[in-house]
Amino acid sequence: MSAAPAYNFTVKVNISEAPPVFAIYDGKQNVTAQPVKVTQPNTTITYQLINNTDDLVFVAPVINDDPNHNLISKISDDGQTIKFTDSDANNENICMQLQVIQSGTPGKVYTSPDPQIRNRKN
């Protein structure tokens, strides 16, 4: 059996605009809004903040439509990276929204649009 795929994205957040703009870039640095299609157990999906001049850090994401808890997230100690592991146990569309705060003003949460994760068996 082959190793589970790993998807890596970088995220630039502009909180000066209302609503804040989350630009998500794929591994080739192209802006992407495409859902991630998961077809193997334990697929990892990583988002890392870039050009972070506002002292932003990831906080717990909003996850919906995952009744079996297939998606698990872990935030790095410095808050700059969030990594999801998807068990791909069920066919479903999981709605996941990234969230960031400014470490100096933790009461204000900025939430991304929905970078959807689609679980599909091969």
N, C-alpha and C. Protein backbone atom coordinates (compact mmCIF):
# COMPACT_ATOMS: atom_id res chain seq x y z
N MET A 1 0.84 -1.18 0.00
CA MET A 1 0.00 0.00 0.00
C MET A 1 0.89 1.24 0.00
N SER A 2 0.55 2.22 -0.80
CA SER A 2 1.36 3.43 -0.90
C SER A 2 1.10 4.35 0.30
N ALA A 3 2.04 5.25 0.51
CA ALA A 3 1.91 6.21 1.60
C ALA A 3 0.73 7.13 1.33
N ALA A 4 0.10 7.58 2.39
CA ALA A 4 -1.04 8.49 2.25
C ALA A 4 -0.56 9.82 1.66
N PRO A 5 -1.38 10.42 0.81
CA PRO A 5 -1.00 11.71 0.22
C PRO A 5 -0.90 12.81 1.27
N ALA A 6 -0.08 13.80 0.96
CA ALA A 6 0.06 14.98 1.81
C ALA A 6 -0.15 16.21 0.92
N TYR A 7 -1.11 17.01 1.27
CA TYR A 7 -1.39 18.26 0.55
C TYR A 7 -0.89 19.41 1.40
N ASN A 8 -0.13 20.30 0.77
CA ASN A 8 0.44 21.44 1.49
C ASN A 8 -0.01 22.74 0.84
N PHE A 9 -0.53 23.63 1.66
CA PHE A 9 -1.01 24.93 1.19
C PHE A 9 -0.40 26.02 2.05
N THR A 10 -0.24 27.20 1.46
CA THR A 10 0.14 28.37 2.22
C THR A 10 -1.04 29.32 2.21
N VAL A 11 -1.14 30.14 3.25
CA VAL A 11 -2.29 31.02 3.43
C VAL A 11 -1.82 32.42 3.76
N LYS A 12 -2.31 33.38 2.99
CA LYS A 12 -2.07 34.79 3.27
C LYS A 12 -3.40 35.39 3.69
N VAL A 13 -3.42 36.06 4.84
CA VAL A 13 -4.67 36.63 5.36
C VAL A 13 -4.53 38.15 5.42
N ASN A 14 -5.52 38.84 4.82
CA ASN A 14 -5.58 40.30 4.89
C ASN A 14 -6.76 40.67 5.77
N ILE A 15 -6.45 41.10 7.01
CA ILE A 15 -7.53 41.45 7.94
C ILE A 15 -7.90 42.93 7.84
N SER A 16 -7.22 43.66 6.95
CA SER A 16 -7.55 45.08 6.76
C SER A 16 -8.84 45.25 5.96
N GLU A 17 -9.24 44.20 5.24
CA GLU A 17 -10.47 44.26 4.46
C GLU A 17 -11.61 43.65 5.25
N ALA A 18 -12.82 44.06 4.92
CA ALA A 18 -14.01 43.50 5.58
C ALA A 18 -14.92 42.91 4.50
N PRO A 19 -15.19 41.63 4.53
CA PRO A 19 -14.61 40.62 5.45
C PRO A 19 -13.15 40.37 5.11
N PRO A 20 -12.40 39.79 6.04
CA PRO A 20 -10.99 39.51 5.78
C PRO A 20 -10.83 38.57 4.58
N VAL A 21 -9.73 38.72 3.88
CA VAL A 21 -9.47 37.92 2.68
C VAL A 21 -8.44 36.84 3.02
N PHE A 22 -8.81 35.60 2.78
CA PHE A 22 -7.92 34.46 2.94
C PHE A 22 -7.52 34.00 1.54
N ALA A 23 -6.26 34.16 1.16
CA ALA A 23 -5.76 33.66 -0.12
C ALA A 23 -5.02 32.37 0.16
N ILE A 24 -5.48 31.28 -0.44
CA ILE A 24 -4.89 29.96 -0.22
C ILE A 24 -4.16 29.57 -1.49
N TYR A 25 -2.87 29.19 -1.34
CA TYR A 25 -2.02 28.85 -2.46
C TYR A 25 -1.64 27.37 -2.41
N ASP A 26 -1.64 26.73 -3.59
CA ASP A 26 -1.24 25.33 -3.66
C ASP A 26 0.29 25.24 -3.68
N GLY A 27 0.81 24.05 -3.86
CA GLY A 27 2.25 23.82 -3.85
C GLY A 27 3.00 24.54 -4.95
N LYS A 28 2.31 24.96 -6.02
CA LYS A 28 2.95 25.70 -7.11
C LYS A 28 2.73 27.19 -6.97
N GLN A 29 2.22 27.61 -5.81
CA GLN A 29 1.95 29.01 -5.48
C GLN A 29 0.85 29.64 -6.33
N ASN A 30 -0.07 28.80 -6.81
CA ASN A 30 -1.26 29.28 -7.51
C ASN A 30 -2.39 29.40 -6.50
N VAL A 31 -3.15 30.50 -6.60
CA VAL A 31 -4.32 30.65 -5.72
C VAL A 31 -5.29 29.53 -6.04
N THR A 32 -5.83 28.91 -5.01
CA THR A 32 -6.77 27.81 -5.22
C THR A 32 -7.96 27.93 -4.27
N ALA A 33 -9.09 27.52 -4.78
CA ALA A 33 -10.30 27.44 -3.96
C ALA A 33 -10.96 26.08 -4.15
N GLN A 34 -10.23 25.18 -4.81
CA GLN A 34 -10.76 23.85 -5.09
C GLN A 34 -10.80 23.00 -3.82
N PRO A 35 -11.85 22.20 -3.67
CA PRO A 35 -11.88 21.28 -2.54
C PRO A 35 -10.75 20.25 -2.64
N VAL A 36 -10.30 19.77 -1.51
CA VAL A 36 -9.32 18.70 -1.49
C VAL A 36 -10.09 17.39 -1.54
N LYS A 37 -9.74 16.54 -2.48
CA LYS A 37 -10.40 15.24 -2.62
C LYS A 37 -9.53 14.18 -1.95
N VAL A 38 -10.07 13.57 -0.91
CA VAL A 38 -9.35 12.56 -0.14
C VAL A 38 -9.86 11.18 -0.53
N THR A 39 -8.92 10.32 -0.94
CA THR A 39 -9.30 8.96 -1.35
C THR A 39 -8.53 7.88 -0.61
N GLN A 40 -7.63 8.27 0.28
CA GLN A 40 -6.86 7.30 1.05
C GLN A 40 -6.89 7.66 2.53
N PRO A 41 -6.92 6.65 3.39
CA PRO A 41 -6.88 6.91 4.83
C PRO A 41 -5.62 7.67 5.24
N ASN A 42 -5.76 8.49 6.25
CA ASN A 42 -4.66 9.23 6.87
C ASN A 42 -3.99 10.25 5.95
N THR A 43 -4.76 10.76 5.00
CA THR A 43 -4.28 11.85 4.16
C THR A 43 -4.08 13.08 5.05
N THR A 44 -2.98 13.79 4.83
CA THR A 44 -2.74 15.02 5.60
C THR A 44 -2.91 16.24 4.70
N ILE A 45 -3.45 17.28 5.29
CA ILE A 45 -3.68 18.55 4.60
C ILE A 45 -3.13 19.64 5.53
N THR A 46 -2.12 20.35 5.07
CA THR A 46 -1.43 21.32 5.91
C THR A 46 -1.58 22.72 5.34
N TYR A 47 -1.88 23.67 6.23
CA TYR A 47 -1.97 25.09 5.87
C TYR A 47 -0.96 25.85 6.71
N GLN A 48 -0.12 26.68 6.05
CA GLN A 48 0.88 27.47 6.76
C GLN A 48 0.69 28.94 6.42
N LEU A 49 0.68 29.78 7.45
CA LEU A 49 0.56 31.22 7.24
C LEU A 49 1.83 31.78 6.61
N ILE A 50 1.66 32.70 5.64
CA ILE A 50 2.80 33.37 5.02
C ILE A 50 2.55 34.88 5.02
N ASN A 51 3.61 35.65 4.82
CA ASN A 51 3.51 37.11 4.78
C ASN A 51 2.68 37.62 5.96
N ASN A 52 2.96 37.08 7.11
CA ASN A 52 2.15 37.33 8.30
C ASN A 52 2.66 38.55 9.05
N THR A 53 2.25 39.74 8.61
CA THR A 53 2.71 40.97 9.25
C THR A 53 1.76 41.43 10.36
N ASP A 54 0.64 40.74 10.54
CA ASP A 54 -0.35 41.13 11.56
C ASP A 54 -0.29 40.27 12.82
N ASP A 55 0.77 39.47 12.96
CA ASP A 55 0.95 38.62 14.14
C ASP A 55 -0.23 37.66 14.32
N LEU A 56 -0.66 37.06 13.20
CA LEU A 56 -1.79 36.12 13.22
C LEU A 56 -1.32 34.73 13.62
N VAL A 57 -2.21 33.99 14.27
CA VAL A 57 -1.98 32.58 14.60
C VAL A 57 -3.27 31.81 14.34
N PHE A 58 -3.13 30.57 13.95
CA PHE A 58 -4.29 29.71 13.79
C PHE A 58 -4.89 29.37 15.15
N VAL A 59 -6.21 29.26 15.19
CA VAL A 59 -6.93 28.72 16.34
C VAL A 59 -7.81 27.60 15.81
N ALA A 60 -8.53 26.94 16.68
CA ALA A 60 -9.35 25.79 16.28
C ALA A 60 -10.25 26.14 15.09
N PRO A 61 -10.26 25.30 14.08
CA PRO A 61 -11.09 25.56 12.90
C PRO A 61 -12.56 25.25 13.17
N VAL A 62 -13.40 25.74 12.26
CA VAL A 62 -14.82 25.38 12.29
C VAL A 62 -14.96 24.16 11.38
N ILE A 63 -15.50 23.08 11.90
CA ILE A 63 -15.69 21.86 11.10
C ILE A 63 -17.16 21.46 11.19
N ASN A 64 -17.79 21.32 10.03
CA ASN A 64 -19.19 20.91 9.95
C ASN A 64 -19.31 19.72 9.00
N ASP A 65 -20.42 19.02 9.09
CA ASP A 65 -20.72 17.88 8.22
C ASP A 65 -19.70 16.76 8.35
N ASP A 66 -19.21 16.55 9.55
CA ASP A 66 -18.27 15.47 9.84
C ASP A 66 -18.77 14.69 11.06
N PRO A 67 -19.96 14.05 10.92
CA PRO A 67 -20.58 13.40 12.09
C PRO A 67 -19.75 12.26 12.67
N ASN A 68 -18.89 11.65 11.86
CA ASN A 68 -18.07 10.54 12.34
C ASN A 68 -16.68 10.96 12.78
N HIS A 69 -16.44 12.26 12.77
CA HIS A 69 -15.15 12.82 13.22
C HIS A 69 -13.97 12.23 12.47
N ASN A 70 -14.08 12.24 11.13
CA ASN A 70 -12.99 11.76 10.29
C ASN A 70 -11.82 12.72 10.23
N LEU A 71 -12.08 13.99 10.52
CA LEU A 71 -11.07 15.03 10.37
C LEU A 71 -10.53 15.44 11.74
N ILE A 72 -9.21 15.36 11.92
CA ILE A 72 -8.56 15.75 13.16
C ILE A 72 -7.58 16.87 12.82
N SER A 73 -7.53 17.91 13.65
CA SER A 73 -6.59 19.00 13.38
C SER A 73 -5.60 19.16 14.53
N LYS A 74 -4.42 19.66 14.18
CA LYS A 74 -3.38 19.96 15.16
C LYS A 74 -2.70 21.24 14.73
N ILE A 75 -2.57 22.17 15.67
CA ILE A 75 -1.93 23.45 15.42
C ILE A 75 -0.51 23.41 15.98
N SER A 76 0.44 23.91 15.20
CA SER A 76 1.84 23.94 15.65
C SER A 76 1.97 24.84 16.88
N ASP A 77 3.03 24.63 17.63
CA ASP A 77 3.25 25.39 18.86
C ASP A 77 3.31 26.90 18.61
N ASP A 78 3.85 27.31 17.45
CA ASP A 78 3.93 28.74 17.16
C ASP A 78 2.66 29.29 16.50
N GLY A 79 1.68 28.41 16.22
CA GLY A 79 0.41 28.85 15.66
C GLY A 79 0.44 29.17 14.18
N GLN A 80 1.57 28.94 13.52
CA GLN A 80 1.71 29.31 12.11
C GLN A 80 1.25 28.23 11.14
N THR A 81 1.05 27.01 11.65
CA THR A 81 0.68 25.89 10.80
C THR A 81 -0.45 25.10 11.46
N ILE A 82 -1.41 24.70 10.61
CA ILE A 82 -2.45 23.79 11.08
C ILE A 82 -2.45 22.59 10.14
N LYS A 83 -2.46 21.41 10.74
CA LYS A 83 -2.39 20.17 9.97
C LYS A 83 -3.63 19.34 10.26
N PHE A 84 -4.29 18.91 9.19
CA PHE A 84 -5.46 18.05 9.30
C PHE A 84 -5.07 16.65 8.86
N THR A 85 -5.57 15.67 9.57
CA THR A 85 -5.45 14.28 9.15
C THR A 85 -6.86 13.77 8.94
N ASP A 86 -7.09 13.21 7.76
CA ASP A 86 -8.42 12.75 7.38
C ASP A 86 -8.40 11.23 7.28
N SER A 87 -9.22 10.57 8.09
CA SER A 87 -9.26 9.10 8.08
C SER A 87 -9.90 8.54 6.82
N ASP A 88 -10.67 9.36 6.10
CA ASP A 88 -11.37 8.94 4.88
C ASP A 88 -12.25 7.72 5.14
N ALA A 89 -12.82 7.64 6.33
CA ALA A 89 -13.63 6.48 6.69
C ALA A 89 -15.01 6.48 6.04
N ASN A 90 -15.51 7.66 5.67
CA ASN A 90 -16.86 7.77 5.12
C ASN A 90 -16.86 8.66 3.88
N ASN A 91 -17.79 8.38 2.95
CA ASN A 91 -17.98 9.28 1.81
C ASN A 91 -18.79 10.47 2.30
N GLU A 92 -18.19 11.65 2.23
CA GLU A 92 -18.87 12.84 2.71
C GLU A 92 -18.14 14.09 2.22
N ASN A 93 -18.82 15.21 2.30
CA ASN A 93 -18.20 16.51 2.06
C ASN A 93 -18.10 17.20 3.41
N ILE A 94 -16.87 17.41 3.86
CA ILE A 94 -16.64 18.05 5.15
C ILE A 94 -16.40 19.54 4.91
N CYS A 95 -17.14 20.35 5.63
CA CYS A 95 -16.97 21.79 5.53
C CYS A 95 -16.04 22.25 6.64
N MET A 96 -14.91 22.81 6.26
CA MET A 96 -13.90 23.22 7.22
C MET A 96 -13.54 24.66 6.93
N GLN A 97 -13.52 25.48 7.98
CA GLN A 97 -13.13 26.88 7.84
C GLN A 97 -11.94 27.15 8.75
N LEU A 98 -10.90 27.75 8.18
CA LEU A 98 -9.74 28.14 8.96
C LEU A 98 -10.10 29.35 9.81
N GLN A 99 -9.48 29.45 10.97
CA GLN A 99 -9.69 30.61 11.83
C GLN A 99 -8.34 31.10 12.36
N VAL A 100 -8.20 32.42 12.38
CA VAL A 100 -6.99 33.03 12.92
C VAL A 100 -7.38 34.15 13.88
N ILE A 101 -6.45 34.47 14.76
CA ILE A 101 -6.58 35.63 15.64
C ILE A 101 -5.25 36.38 15.59
N GLN A 102 -5.28 37.64 16.00
CA GLN A 102 -4.04 38.36 16.25
C GLN A 102 -3.62 38.00 17.67
N SER A 103 -2.39 37.58 17.84
CA SER A 103 -2.00 37.11 19.17
C SER A 103 -2.12 38.22 20.22
N GLY A 104 -2.06 39.48 19.81
CA GLY A 104 -2.20 40.58 20.75
C GLY A 104 -3.64 40.93 21.09
N THR A 105 -4.59 40.51 20.24
CA THR A 105 -6.03 40.77 20.47
C THR A 105 -6.81 39.50 20.24
N PRO A 106 -6.68 38.53 21.14
CA PRO A 106 -7.27 37.21 20.92
C PRO A 106 -8.80 37.16 20.93
N GLY A 107 -9.47 38.25 21.28
CA GLY A 107 -10.93 38.24 21.31
C GLY A 107 -11.58 38.30 19.95
N LYS A 108 -10.85 38.74 18.93
CA LYS A 108 -11.39 38.88 17.58
C LYS A 108 -10.93 37.71 16.72
N VAL A 109 -11.88 36.89 16.24
CA VAL A 109 -11.57 35.73 15.43
C VAL A 109 -11.91 36.05 13.97
N TYR A 110 -10.99 35.73 13.07
CA TYR A 110 -11.20 35.91 11.63
C TYR A 110 -11.38 34.52 11.02
N THR A 111 -12.48 34.34 10.30
CA THR A 111 -12.84 33.01 9.77
C THR A 111 -12.82 33.02 8.25
N SER A 112 -12.25 31.99 7.67
CA SER A 112 -12.13 31.87 6.21
C SER A 112 -13.42 31.38 5.59
N PRO A 113 -13.52 31.54 4.25
CA PRO A 113 -14.56 30.80 3.54
C PRO A 113 -14.26 29.31 3.68
N ASP A 114 -15.04 28.47 3.09
CA ASP A 114 -15.00 27.04 3.30
C ASP A 114 -14.10 26.32 2.30
N PRO A 115 -12.82 25.99 2.67
CA PRO A 115 -12.05 25.11 1.80
C PRO A 115 -12.50 23.67 2.06
N GLN A 116 -13.38 23.17 1.24
CA GLN A 116 -14.07 21.91 1.48
C GLN A 116 -13.15 20.71 1.28
N ILE A 117 -13.40 19.68 2.05
CA ILE A 117 -12.67 18.42 1.93
C ILE A 117 -13.70 17.36 1.53
N ARG A 118 -13.41 16.69 0.43
CA ARG A 118 -14.34 15.65 -0.07
C ARG A 118 -13.72 14.28 0.13
N ASN A 119 -14.40 13.44 0.89
CA ASN A 119 -13.96 12.06 1.09
C ASN A 119 -14.63 11.19 0.05
N ARG A 120 -13.85 10.49 -0.71
CA ARG A 120 -14.35 9.58 -1.74
C ARG A 120 -13.46 8.35 -1.78
N LYS A 121 -14.08 7.21 -1.80
CA LYS A 121 -13.32 5.97 -1.97
C LYS A 121 -12.88 5.86 -3.42
N ASN A 122 -11.72 5.25 -3.66
CA ASN A 122 -11.24 5.06 -5.04
C ASN A 122 -12.18 4.18 -5.83
